[in-house]
Amino acid sequence: MHSEERSDTLKSTHSKYLLIEGTYNGKIDQKIVFTGSHPYTKSALTTNDEALLKWDDSALGNVSHTASVYTNYRYNFWAQRAAADAQPQPQPQPQP
Protein backbone atom coordinates (compact mmCIF):
# COMPACT_ATOMS: atom_id res chain seq x y z
CA MET A 1 0.00 0.00 0.00
CA HIS A 2 1.33 3.40 -0.90
CA SER A 3 -0.01 6.84 -0.20
CA GLU A 4 1.30 10.17 -1.32
CA GLU A 5 0.92 13.17 0.92
CA ARG A 6 1.45 16.78 -0.15
CA SER A 7 5.12 16.22 -0.87
CA ASP A 8 7.26 14.14 -3.17
CA THR A 9 7.98 11.70 -0.38
CA LEU A 10 6.42 8.30 -0.99
CA LYS A 11 5.01 6.65 2.13
CA SER A 12 4.47 2.93 2.30
CA THR A 13 3.62 0.10 4.63
CA HIS A 14 5.01 -3.38 4.53
CA SER A 15 2.19 -5.59 5.73
CA LYS A 16 2.33 -9.32 6.02
CA TYR A 17 0.34 -12.18 7.48
CA LEU A 18 0.90 -15.52 9.19
CA LEU A 19 -1.66 -18.33 8.94
CA ILE A 20 -1.90 -21.06 11.55
CA GLU A 21 -4.09 -24.11 10.97
CA GLY A 22 -3.86 -26.84 13.58
CA THR A 23 -2.91 -26.90 17.23
CA TYR A 24 -2.33 -23.44 18.70
CA ASN A 25 -1.88 -22.59 22.36
CA GLY A 26 -2.78 -26.17 23.32
CA LYS A 27 -6.08 -26.19 21.38
CA ILE A 28 -6.58 -28.41 18.32
CA ASP A 29 -8.27 -27.46 15.02
CA GLN A 30 -7.52 -23.74 15.26
CA LYS A 31 -7.55 -21.32 12.33
CA ILE A 32 -5.65 -18.17 13.28
CA VAL A 33 -4.55 -15.16 11.19
CA PHE A 34 -1.91 -12.69 12.38
CA THR A 35 -1.68 -9.65 10.10
CA GLY A 36 -0.15 -6.19 10.17
CA SER A 37 3.11 -4.32 9.79
CA HIS A 38 4.81 -6.30 12.56
CA PRO A 39 7.93 -8.19 11.41
CA TYR A 40 8.87 -11.23 13.41
CA THR A 41 11.96 -9.72 15.04
CA LYS A 42 13.09 -8.78 18.55
CA SER A 43 13.18 -5.05 17.72
CA ALA A 44 9.58 -5.19 16.49
CA LEU A 45 8.57 -6.62 19.85
CA THR A 46 10.60 -4.18 21.94
CA THR A 47 11.22 -0.85 20.17
CA ASN A 48 9.44 -0.45 16.82
CA ASP A 49 6.05 1.18 16.34
CA GLU A 50 4.16 -1.73 14.77
CA ALA A 51 0.57 -2.92 14.42
CA LEU A 52 -0.43 -6.57 14.75
CA LEU A 53 -3.93 -8.05 14.61
CA LYS A 54 -4.83 -11.59 15.63
CA TRP A 55 -8.02 -13.03 14.12
CA ASP A 56 -9.31 -16.35 15.48
CA ASP A 57 -11.80 -18.02 13.11
CA SER A 58 -12.15 -20.87 15.61
CA ALA A 59 -14.04 -18.55 17.97
CA LEU A 60 -16.85 -18.23 15.39
CA GLY A 61 -17.96 -21.84 15.66
CA ASN A 62 -19.85 -23.15 12.64
CA VAL A 63 -20.97 -19.89 11.06
CA SER A 64 -21.45 -20.80 7.39
CA HIS A 65 -23.14 -17.75 5.84
CA THR A 66 -19.87 -16.36 4.54
CA ALA A 67 -16.29 -17.44 3.89
CA SER A 68 -14.11 -17.12 6.95
CA VAL A 69 -11.39 -14.51 7.33
CA TYR A 70 -8.85 -17.37 7.50
CA THR A 71 -10.20 -18.86 4.24
CA ASN A 72 -9.94 -15.51 2.48
CA TYR A 73 -6.33 -14.99 3.61
CA ARG A 74 -5.49 -18.55 2.55
CA TYR A 75 -7.03 -17.94 -0.88
CA ASN A 76 -5.06 -14.68 -1.16
CA PHE A 77 -1.82 -16.54 -0.35
CA TRP A 78 -2.37 -19.10 -3.12
CA ALA A 79 -3.45 -16.43 -5.62
CA GLN A 80 -0.28 -14.42 -4.93
CA ARG A 81 1.85 -17.56 -5.11
CA ALA A 82 0.34 -18.48 -8.49
CA ALA A 83 0.93 -14.94 -9.80
CA ALA A 84 4.55 -15.02 -8.61
CA ASP A 85 5.12 -18.45 -10.18
CA ALA A 86 3.76 -17.14 -13.50
CA GLN A 87 6.31 -14.31 -13.62
CA PRO A 88 9.51 -14.82 -15.61
CA GLN A 89 12.33 -15.68 -13.27
CA PRO A 90 15.53 -13.60 -13.45
CA GLN A 91 18.37 -15.49 -15.07
CA PRO A 92 21.80 -15.49 -13.43
CA GLN A 93 24.31 -13.38 -15.30
CA PRO A 94 27.61 -15.03 -16.23
CA GLN A 95 30.53 -13.74 -14.24
CA PRO A 96 33.49 -12.37 -16.25
PDB file of N, CA and C in Angstrom:
ATOM      1  N   MET A   1       0.846  -1.156   0.000  1.00  0.00           N
ATOM      2  CA  MET A   1       0.000   0.000   0.000  1.00  0.00           C
ATOM      3  C   MET A   1       0.898   1.227   0.000  1.00  0.00           C
ATOM      4  N   HIS A   2       0.580   2.150  -0.838  1.00  0.00           N
ATOM      5  CA  HIS A   2       1.328   3.404  -0.900  1.00  0.00           C
ATOM      6  C   HIS A   2       0.344   4.559  -0.810  1.00  0.00           C
ATOM      7  N   SER A   3       0.800   5.624  -0.206  1.00  0.00           N
ATOM      8  CA  SER A   3      -0.011   6.839  -0.202  1.00  0.00           C
ATOM      9  C   SER A   3       0.916   8.023  -0.360  1.00  0.00           C
ATOM     10  N   GLU A   4       0.500   8.965  -1.138  1.00  0.00           N
ATOM     11  CA  GLU A   4       1.298  10.172  -1.318  1.00  0.00           C
ATOM     12  C   GLU A   4       0.638  11.316  -0.580  1.00  0.00           C
ATOM     13  N   GLU A   5       1.433  12.002   0.231  1.00  0.00           N
ATOM     14  CA  GLU A   5       0.925  13.174   0.918  1.00  0.00           C
ATOM     15  C   GLU A   5       1.264  14.386   0.073  1.00  0.00           C
ATOM     16  N   ARG A   6       1.233  15.565   0.631  1.00  0.00           N
ATOM     17  CA  ARG A   6       1.454  16.779  -0.152  1.00  0.00           C
ATOM     18  C   ARG A   6       2.928  17.066  -0.371  1.00  0.00           C
ATOM     19  N   SER A   7       3.699  16.048  -0.567  1.00  0.00           N
ATOM     20  CA  SER A   7       5.117  16.220  -0.870  1.00  0.00           C
ATOM     21  C   SER A   7       5.515  15.137  -1.861  1.00  0.00           C
ATOM     22  N   ASP A   8       6.766  15.154  -2.244  1.00  0.00           N
ATOM     23  CA  ASP A   8       7.256  14.143  -3.173  1.00  0.00           C
ATOM     24  C   ASP A   8       7.699  12.871  -2.455  1.00  0.00           C
ATOM     25  N   THR A   9       7.559  12.858  -1.146  1.00  0.00           N
ATOM     26  CA  THR A   9       7.984  11.699  -0.380  1.00  0.00           C
ATOM     27  C   THR A   9       6.923  10.608  -0.464  1.00  0.00           C
ATOM     28  N   LEU A  10       7.327   9.431  -0.886  1.00  0.00           N
ATOM     29  CA  LEU A  10       6.423   8.295  -0.987  1.00  0.00           C
ATOM     30  C   LEU A  10       6.380   7.581   0.356  1.00  0.00           C
ATOM     31  N   LYS A  11       5.201   7.374   0.873  1.00  0.00           N
ATOM     32  CA  LYS A  11       5.007   6.651   2.128  1.00  0.00           C
ATOM     33  C   LYS A  11       4.521   5.251   1.789  1.00  0.00           C
ATOM     34  N   SER A  12       4.928   4.285   2.566  1.00  0.00           N
ATOM     35  CA  SER A  12       4.471   2.928   2.303  1.00  0.00           C
ATOM     36  C   SER A  12       4.352   2.147   3.602  1.00  0.00           C
ATOM     37  N   THR A  13       3.657   1.036   3.524  1.00  0.00           N
ATOM     38  CA  THR A  13       3.617   0.100   4.631  1.00  0.00           C
ATOM     39  C   THR A  13       4.019  -1.260   4.080  1.00  0.00           C
ATOM     40  N   HIS A  14       4.564  -2.042   4.921  1.00  0.00           N
ATOM     41  CA  HIS A  14       5.012  -3.376   4.534  1.00  0.00           C
ATOM     42  C   HIS A  14       4.214  -4.362   5.384  1.00  0.00           C
ATOM     43  N   SER A  15       3.022  -4.696   4.925  1.00  0.00           N
ATOM     44  CA  SER A  15       2.190  -5.587   5.725  1.00  0.00           C
ATOM     45  C   SER A  15       2.436  -7.040   5.328  1.00  0.00           C
ATOM     46  N   LYS A  16       2.125  -7.897   6.237  1.00  0.00           N
ATOM     47  CA  LYS A  16       2.325  -9.324   6.022  1.00  0.00           C
ATOM     48  C   LYS A  16       1.307 -10.087   6.848  1.00  0.00           C
ATOM     49  N   TYR A  17       1.224 -11.385   6.637  1.00  0.00           N
ATOM     50  CA  TYR A  17       0.344 -12.182   7.480  1.00  0.00           C
ATOM     51  C   TYR A  17       0.927 -13.567   7.700  1.00  0.00           C
ATOM     52  N   LEU A  18       0.483 -14.173   8.795  1.00  0.00           N
ATOM     53  CA  LEU A  18       0.896 -15.515   9.192  1.00  0.00           C
ATOM     54  C   LEU A  18      -0.376 -16.314   9.434  1.00  0.00           C
ATOM     55  N   LEU A  19      -0.494 -17.464   8.775  1.00  0.00           N
ATOM     56  CA  LEU A  19      -1.664 -18.328   8.935  1.00  0.00           C
ATOM     57  C   LEU A  19      -1.281 -19.547   9.757  1.00  0.00           C
ATOM     58  N   ILE A  20      -2.111 -19.869  10.732  1.00  0.00           N
ATOM     59  CA  ILE A  20      -1.902 -21.061  11.553  1.00  0.00           C
ATOM     60  C   ILE A  20      -3.156 -21.914  11.451  1.00  0.00           C
ATOM     61  N   GLU A  21      -2.983 -23.160  11.022  1.00  0.00           N
ATOM     62  CA  GLU A  21      -4.092 -24.113  10.972  1.00  0.00           C
ATOM     63  C   GLU A  21      -3.631 -25.373  11.680  1.00  0.00           C
ATOM     64  N   GLY A  22      -4.256 -25.677  12.792  1.00  0.00           N
ATOM     65  CA  GLY A  22      -3.863 -26.839  13.579  1.00  0.00           C
ATOM     66  C   GLY A  22      -3.868 -26.501  15.058  1.00  0.00           C
ATOM     67  N   THR A  23      -2.973 -27.131  15.794  1.00  0.00           N
ATOM     68  CA  THR A  23      -2.906 -26.905  17.234  1.00  0.00           C
ATOM     69  C   THR A  23      -2.215 -25.580  17.518  1.00  0.00           C
ATOM     70  N   TYR A  24      -2.878 -24.741  18.306  1.00  0.00           N
ATOM     71  CA  TYR A  24      -2.334 -23.439  18.699  1.00  0.00           C
ATOM     72  C   TYR A  24      -2.686 -23.204  20.160  1.00  0.00           C
ATOM     73  N   ASN A  25      -1.688 -22.891  20.940  1.00  0.00           N
ATOM     74  CA  ASN A  25      -1.881 -22.592  22.359  1.00  0.00           C
ATOM     75  C   ASN A  25      -2.592 -23.745  23.079  1.00  0.00           C
ATOM     76  N   GLY A  26      -2.228 -24.974  22.686  1.00  0.00           N
ATOM     77  CA  GLY A  26      -2.784 -26.167  23.319  1.00  0.00           C
ATOM     78  C   GLY A  26      -4.161 -26.583  22.838  1.00  0.00           C
ATOM     79  N   LYS A  27      -4.745 -25.862  21.893  1.00  0.00           N
ATOM     80  CA  LYS A  27      -6.079 -26.191  21.380  1.00  0.00           C
ATOM     81  C   LYS A  27      -5.954 -26.723  19.951  1.00  0.00           C
ATOM     82  N   ILE A  28      -6.660 -27.820  19.656  1.00  0.00           N
ATOM     83  CA  ILE A  28      -6.584 -28.407  18.318  1.00  0.00           C
ATOM     84  C   ILE A  28      -7.579 -27.732  17.381  1.00  0.00           C
ATOM     85  N   ASP A  29      -7.375 -27.946  16.086  1.00  0.00           N
ATOM     86  CA  ASP A  29      -8.271 -27.461  15.023  1.00  0.00           C
ATOM     87  C   ASP A  29      -8.497 -25.954  15.063  1.00  0.00           C
ATOM     88  N   GLN A  30      -7.434 -25.203  15.237  1.00  0.00           N
ATOM     89  CA  GLN A  30      -7.524 -23.745  15.263  1.00  0.00           C
ATOM     90  C   GLN A  30      -7.217 -23.182  13.881  1.00  0.00           C
ATOM     91  N   LYS A  31      -7.841 -22.059  13.558  1.00  0.00           N
ATOM     92  CA  LYS A  31      -7.553 -21.315  12.327  1.00  0.00           C
ATOM     93  C   LYS A  31      -7.327 -19.870  12.739  1.00  0.00           C
ATOM     94  N   ILE A  32      -6.061 -19.473  12.751  1.00  0.00           N
ATOM     95  CA  ILE A  32      -5.650 -18.172  13.276  1.00  0.00           C
ATOM     96  C   ILE A  32      -4.959 -17.382  12.166  1.00  0.00           C
ATOM     97  N   VAL A  33      -5.233 -16.080  12.104  1.00  0.00           N
ATOM     98  CA  VAL A  33      -4.549 -15.160  11.194  1.00  0.00           C
ATOM     99  C   VAL A  33      -3.905 -14.068  12.038  1.00  0.00           C
ATOM    100  N   PHE A  34      -2.606 -13.862  11.854  1.00  0.00           N
ATOM    101  CA  PHE A  34      -1.915 -12.687  12.376  1.00  0.00           C
ATOM    102  C   PHE A  34      -1.603 -11.813  11.171  1.00  0.00           C
ATOM    103  N   THR A  35      -1.947 -10.545  11.219  1.00  0.00           N
ATOM    104  CA  THR A  35      -1.677  -9.653  10.096  1.00  0.00           C
ATOM    105  C   THR A  35      -1.315  -8.266  10.597  1.00  0.00           C
ATOM    106  N   GLY A  36      -0.534  -7.557   9.811  1.00  0.00           N
ATOM    107  CA  GLY A  36      -0.154  -6.191  10.166  1.00  0.00           C
ATOM    108  C   GLY A  36       1.229  -5.853   9.659  1.00  0.00           C
ATOM    109  N   SER A  37       1.789  -4.786  10.212  1.00  0.00           N
ATOM    110  CA  SER A  37       3.112  -4.321   9.794  1.00  0.00           C
ATOM    111  C   SER A  37       4.226  -4.984  10.593  1.00  0.00           C
ATOM    112  N   HIS A  38       3.872  -5.734  11.588  1.00  0.00           N
ATOM    113  CA  HIS A  38       4.808  -6.297  12.560  1.00  0.00           C
ATOM    114  C   HIS A  38       5.709  -7.364  11.939  1.00  0.00           C
ATOM    115  N   PRO A  39       7.033  -7.111  11.820  1.00  0.00           N
ATOM    116  CA  PRO A  39       7.930  -8.188  11.407  1.00  0.00           C
ATOM    117  C   PRO A  39       8.191  -9.098  12.605  1.00  0.00           C
ATOM    118  N   TYR A  40       8.659 -10.261  12.342  1.00  0.00           N
ATOM    119  CA  TYR A  40       8.872 -11.233  13.411  1.00  0.00           C
ATOM    120  C   TYR A  40      10.313 -11.132  13.904  1.00  0.00           C
ATOM    121  N   THR A  41      10.616  -9.993  14.537  1.00  0.00           N
ATOM    122  CA  THR A  41      11.960  -9.719  15.043  1.00  0.00           C
ATOM    123  C   THR A  41      11.886  -9.210  16.475  1.00  0.00           C
ATOM    124  N   LYS A  42      13.019  -9.270  17.174  1.00  0.00           N
ATOM    125  CA  LYS A  42      13.085  -8.780  18.549  1.00  0.00           C
ATOM    126  C   LYS A  42      12.808  -7.276  18.609  1.00  0.00           C
ATOM    127  N   SER A  43      13.385  -6.508  17.680  1.00  0.00           N
ATOM    128  CA  SER A  43      13.184  -5.055  17.721  1.00  0.00           C
ATOM    129  C   SER A  43      11.714  -4.686  17.492  1.00  0.00           C
ATOM    130  N   ALA A  44      11.004  -5.462  16.692  1.00  0.00           N
ATOM    131  CA  ALA A  44       9.577  -5.190  16.489  1.00  0.00           C
ATOM    132  C   ALA A  44       8.797  -5.389  17.787  1.00  0.00           C
ATOM    133  N   LEU A  45       9.237  -6.354  18.577  1.00  0.00           N
ATOM    134  CA  LEU A  45       8.567  -6.621  19.850  1.00  0.00           C
ATOM    135  C   LEU A  45       8.925  -5.611  20.931  1.00  0.00           C
ATOM    136  N   THR A  46      10.118  -5.005  20.830  1.00  0.00           N
ATOM    137  CA  THR A  46      10.596  -4.182  21.943  1.00  0.00           C
ATOM    138  C   THR A  46      10.681  -2.692  21.657  1.00  0.00           C
ATOM    139  N   THR A  47      10.979  -2.275  20.409  1.00  0.00           N
ATOM    140  CA  THR A  47      11.216  -0.850  20.172  1.00  0.00           C
ATOM    141  C   THR A  47      10.453  -0.241  19.002  1.00  0.00           C
ATOM    142  N   ASN A  48      10.105  -1.007  18.004  1.00  0.00           N
ATOM    143  CA  ASN A  48       9.443  -0.448  16.819  1.00  0.00           C
ATOM    144  C   ASN A  48       7.994  -0.070  17.104  1.00  0.00           C
ATOM    145  N   ASP A  49       7.462   0.818  16.279  1.00  0.00           N
ATOM    146  CA  ASP A  49       6.046   1.180  16.337  1.00  0.00           C
ATOM    147  C   ASP A  49       5.327   0.348  15.281  1.00  0.00           C
ATOM    148  N   GLU A  50       4.762  -0.769  15.695  1.00  0.00           N
ATOM    149  CA  GLU A  50       4.162  -1.728  14.771  1.00  0.00           C
ATOM    150  C   GLU A  50       2.705  -1.987  15.136  1.00  0.00           C
ATOM    151  N   ALA A  51       1.962  -2.511  14.184  1.00  0.00           N
ATOM    152  CA  ALA A  51       0.574  -2.917  14.423  1.00  0.00           C
ATOM    153  C   ALA A  51       0.445  -4.400  14.094  1.00  0.00           C
ATOM    154  N   LEU A  52      -0.217  -5.147  14.968  1.00  0.00           N
ATOM    155  CA  LEU A  52      -0.429  -6.574  14.750  1.00  0.00           C
ATOM    156  C   LEU A  52      -1.845  -6.929  15.193  1.00  0.00           C
ATOM    157  N   LEU A  53      -2.571  -7.619  14.321  1.00  0.00           N
ATOM    158  CA  LEU A  53      -3.932  -8.045  14.612  1.00  0.00           C
ATOM    159  C   LEU A  53      -3.981  -9.564  14.593  1.00  0.00           C
ATOM    160  N   LYS A  54      -4.599 -10.139  15.600  1.00  0.00           N
ATOM    161  CA  LYS A  54      -4.826 -11.591  15.631  1.00  0.00           C
ATOM    162  C   LYS A  54      -6.315 -11.832  15.399  1.00  0.00           C
ATOM    163  N   TRP A  55      -6.635 -12.648  14.398  1.00  0.00           N
ATOM    164  CA  TRP A  55      -8.017 -13.029  14.122  1.00  0.00           C
ATOM    165  C   TRP A  55      -8.140 -14.528  14.343  1.00  0.00           C
ATOM    166  N   ASP A  56      -9.107 -14.937  15.144  1.00  0.00           N
ATOM    167  CA  ASP A  56      -9.312 -16.346  15.477  1.00  0.00           C
ATOM    168  C   ASP A  56     -10.637 -16.813  14.883  1.00  0.00           C
ATOM    169  N   ASP A  57     -10.585 -17.485  13.732  1.00  0.00           N
ATOM    170  CA  ASP A  57     -11.800 -18.018  13.113  1.00  0.00           C
ATOM    171  C   ASP A  57     -12.439 -19.095  13.983  1.00  0.00           C
ATOM    172  N   SER A  58     -11.635 -19.785  14.781  1.00  0.00           N
ATOM    173  CA  SER A  58     -12.150 -20.868  15.606  1.00  0.00           C
ATOM    174  C   SER A  58     -13.195 -20.371  16.595  1.00  0.00           C
ATOM    175  N   ALA A  59     -13.105 -19.116  16.995  1.00  0.00           N
ATOM    176  CA  ALA A  59     -14.043 -18.554  17.967  1.00  0.00           C
ATOM    177  C   ALA A  59     -15.437 -18.367  17.373  1.00  0.00           C
ATOM    178  N   LEU A  60     -15.556 -18.433  16.038  1.00  0.00           N
ATOM    179  CA  LEU A  60     -16.851 -18.225  15.391  1.00  0.00           C
ATOM    180  C   LEU A  60     -17.742 -19.458  15.416  1.00  0.00           C
ATOM    181  N   GLY A  61     -17.168 -20.614  15.693  1.00  0.00           N
ATOM    182  CA  GLY A  61     -17.957 -21.841  15.661  1.00  0.00           C
ATOM    183  C   GLY A  61     -18.255 -22.245  14.236  1.00  0.00           C
ATOM    184  N   ASN A  62     -19.471 -22.658  13.966  1.00  0.00           N
ATOM    185  CA  ASN A  62     -19.853 -23.152  12.640  1.00  0.00           C
ATOM    186  C   ASN A  62     -20.683 -22.141  11.862  1.00  0.00           C
ATOM    187  N   VAL A  63     -20.276 -20.911  11.846  1.00  0.00           N
ATOM    188  CA  VAL A  63     -20.968 -19.891  11.063  1.00  0.00           C
ATOM    189  C   VAL A  63     -20.667 -20.163   9.593  1.00  0.00           C
ATOM    190  N   SER A  64     -21.695 -20.394   8.784  1.00  0.00           N
ATOM    191  CA  SER A  64     -21.450 -20.798   7.395  1.00  0.00           C
ATOM    192  C   SER A  64     -22.037 -19.829   6.373  1.00  0.00           C
ATOM    193  N   HIS A  65     -22.511 -18.663   6.797  1.00  0.00           N
ATOM    194  CA  HIS A  65     -23.139 -17.754   5.841  1.00  0.00           C
ATOM    195  C   HIS A  65     -22.132 -17.012   4.967  1.00  0.00           C
ATOM    196  N   THR A  66     -20.889 -17.057   5.317  1.00  0.00           N
ATOM    197  CA  THR A  66     -19.868 -16.360   4.537  1.00  0.00           C
ATOM    198  C   THR A  66     -18.531 -17.068   4.708  1.00  0.00           C
ATOM    199  N   ALA A  67     -17.627 -16.859   3.770  1.00  0.00           N
ATOM    200  CA  ALA A  67     -16.291 -17.443   3.889  1.00  0.00           C
ATOM    201  C   ALA A  67     -15.576 -16.817   5.078  1.00  0.00           C
ATOM    202  N   SER A  68     -14.807 -17.605   5.765  1.00  0.00           N
ATOM    203  CA  SER A  68     -14.113 -17.117   6.951  1.00  0.00           C
ATOM    204  C   SER A  68     -12.967 -16.181   6.570  1.00  0.00           C
ATOM    205  N   VAL A  69     -12.551 -15.384   7.526  1.00  0.00           N
ATOM    206  CA  VAL A  69     -11.386 -14.515   7.328  1.00  0.00           C
ATOM    207  C   VAL A  69     -10.171 -15.372   7.000  1.00  0.00           C
ATOM    208  N   TYR A  70      -9.972 -16.461   7.745  1.00  0.00           N
ATOM    209  CA  TYR A  70      -8.852 -17.368   7.499  1.00  0.00           C
ATOM    210  C   TYR A  70      -8.892 -17.885   6.064  1.00  0.00           C
ATOM    211  N   THR A  71     -10.057 -18.331   5.601  1.00  0.00           N
ATOM    212  CA  THR A  71     -10.195 -18.861   4.239  1.00  0.00           C
ATOM    213  C   THR A  71      -9.840 -17.806   3.201  1.00  0.00           C
ATOM    214  N   ASN A  72     -10.263 -16.581   3.418  1.00  0.00           N
ATOM    215  CA  ASN A  72      -9.938 -15.509   2.475  1.00  0.00           C
ATOM    216  C   ASN A  72      -8.445 -15.210   2.443  1.00  0.00           C
ATOM    217  N   TYR A  73      -7.781 -15.193   3.591  1.00  0.00           N
ATOM    218  CA  TYR A  73      -6.331 -14.991   3.606  1.00  0.00           C
ATOM    219  C   TYR A  73      -5.616 -16.164   2.941  1.00  0.00           C
ATOM    220  N   ARG A  74      -6.101 -17.370   3.176  1.00  0.00           N
ATOM    221  CA  ARG A  74      -5.486 -18.547   2.554  1.00  0.00           C
ATOM    222  C   ARG A  74      -5.631 -18.482   1.031  1.00  0.00           C
ATOM    223  N   TYR A  75      -6.810 -18.106   0.556  1.00  0.00           N
ATOM    224  CA  TYR A  75      -7.032 -17.939  -0.878  1.00  0.00           C
ATOM    225  C   TYR A  75      -6.088 -16.871  -1.439  1.00  0.00           C
ATOM    226  N   ASN A  76      -5.949 -15.755  -0.718  1.00  0.00           N
ATOM    227  CA  ASN A  76      -5.055 -14.683  -1.156  1.00  0.00           C
ATOM    228  C   ASN A  76      -3.612 -15.177  -1.264  1.00  0.00           C
ATOM    229  N   PHE A  77      -3.178 -15.990  -0.297  1.00  0.00           N
ATOM    230  CA  PHE A  77      -1.819 -16.536  -0.354  1.00  0.00           C
ATOM    231  C   PHE A  77      -1.612 -17.332  -1.639  1.00  0.00           C
ATOM    232  N   TRP A  78      -2.535 -18.248  -1.935  1.00  0.00           N
ATOM    233  CA  TRP A  78      -2.370 -19.098  -3.116  1.00  0.00           C
ATOM    234  C   TRP A  78      -2.497 -18.303  -4.408  1.00  0.00           C
ATOM    235  N   ALA A  79      -3.329 -17.277  -4.431  1.00  0.00           N
ATOM    236  CA  ALA A  79      -3.447 -16.429  -5.621  1.00  0.00           C
ATOM    237  C   ALA A  79      -2.148 -15.663  -5.855  1.00  0.00           C
ATOM    238  N   GLN A  80      -1.552 -15.138  -4.786  1.00  0.00           N
ATOM    239  CA  GLN A  80      -0.280 -14.419  -4.934  1.00  0.00           C
ATOM    240  C   GLN A  80       0.840 -15.374  -5.330  1.00  0.00           C
ATOM    241  N   ARG A  81       0.830 -16.566  -4.769  1.00  0.00           N
ATOM    242  CA  ARG A  81       1.845 -17.564  -5.107  1.00  0.00           C
ATOM    243  C   ARG A  81       1.755 -17.931  -6.585  1.00  0.00           C
ATOM    244  N   ALA A  82       0.529 -18.142  -7.081  1.00  0.00           N
ATOM    245  CA  ALA A  82       0.338 -18.481  -8.494  1.00  0.00           C
ATOM    246  C   ALA A  82       0.796 -17.339  -9.391  1.00  0.00           C
ATOM    247  N   ALA A  83       0.503 -16.102  -9.000  1.00  0.00           N
ATOM    248  CA  ALA A  83       0.928 -14.945  -9.797  1.00  0.00           C
ATOM    249  C   ALA A  83       2.447 -14.834  -9.812  1.00  0.00           C
ATOM    250  N   ALA A  84       3.079 -15.086  -8.680  1.00  0.00           N
ATOM    251  CA  ALA A  84       4.545 -15.019  -8.613  1.00  0.00           C
ATOM    252  C   ALA A  84       5.172 -16.133  -9.447  1.00  0.00           C
ATOM    253  N   ASP A  85       4.590 -17.331  -9.394  1.00  0.00           N
ATOM    254  CA  ASP A  85       5.115 -18.451 -10.179  1.00  0.00           C
ATOM    255  C   ASP A  85       4.979 -18.204 -11.673  1.00  0.00           C
ATOM    256  N   ALA A  86       3.987 -17.418 -12.083  1.00  0.00           N
ATOM    257  CA  ALA A  86       3.759 -17.142 -13.501  1.00  0.00           C
ATOM    258  C   ALA A  86       4.706 -16.079 -14.052  1.00  0.00           C
ATOM    259  N   GLN A  87       5.392 -15.357 -13.184  1.00  0.00           N
ATOM    260  CA  GLN A  87       6.307 -14.306 -13.622  1.00  0.00           C
ATOM    261  C   GLN A  87       7.601 -14.926 -14.136  1.00  0.00           C
ATOM    262  N   PRO A  88       8.209 -14.325 -15.160  1.00  0.00           N
ATOM    263  CA  PRO A  88       9.512 -14.817 -15.612  1.00  0.00           C
ATOM    264  C   PRO A  88      10.538 -14.675 -14.491  1.00  0.00           C
ATOM    265  N   GLN A  89      11.320 -15.704 -14.319  1.00  0.00           N
ATOM    266  CA  GLN A  89      12.335 -15.685 -13.271  1.00  0.00           C
ATOM    267  C   GLN A  89      13.614 -15.049 -13.805  1.00  0.00           C
ATOM    268  N   PRO A  90      14.275 -14.205 -12.994  1.00  0.00           N
ATOM    269  CA  PRO A  90      15.533 -13.604 -13.450  1.00  0.00           C
ATOM    270  C   PRO A  90      16.586 -14.689 -13.676  1.00  0.00           C
ATOM    271  N   GLN A  91      17.322 -14.526 -14.745  1.00  0.00           N
ATOM    272  CA  GLN A  91      18.371 -15.485 -15.073  1.00  0.00           C
ATOM    273  C   GLN A  91      19.700 -15.001 -14.509  1.00  0.00           C
ATOM    274  N   PRO A  92      20.485 -15.906 -13.940  1.00  0.00           N
ATOM    275  CA  PRO A  92      21.798 -15.488 -13.431  1.00  0.00           C
ATOM    276  C   PRO A  92      22.674 -14.991 -14.572  1.00  0.00           C
ATOM    277  N   GLN A  93      23.405 -13.941 -14.303  1.00  0.00           N
ATOM    278  CA  GLN A  93      24.313 -13.384 -15.303  1.00  0.00           C
ATOM    279  C   GLN A  93      25.674 -14.061 -15.180  1.00  0.00           C
ATOM    280  N   PRO A  94      26.278 -14.414 -16.309  1.00  0.00           N
ATOM    281  CA  PRO A  94      27.612 -15.026 -16.234  1.00  0.00           C
ATOM    282  C   PRO A  94      28.616 -14.045 -15.645  1.00  0.00           C
ATOM    283  N   GLN A  95      29.485 -14.564 -14.838  1.00  0.00           N
ATOM    284  CA  GLN A  95      30.533 -13.741 -14.235  1.00  0.00           C
ATOM    285  C   GLN A  95      31.727 -13.678 -15.180  1.00  0.00           C
ATOM    286  N   PRO A  96      32.328 -12.484 -15.341  1.00  0.00           N
ATOM    287  CA  PRO A  96      33.488 -12.368 -16.251  1.00  0.00           C
ATOM    288  C   PRO A  96      34.700 -13.084 -15.704  1.00  0.00           C
TER     289      PRO A  96
END
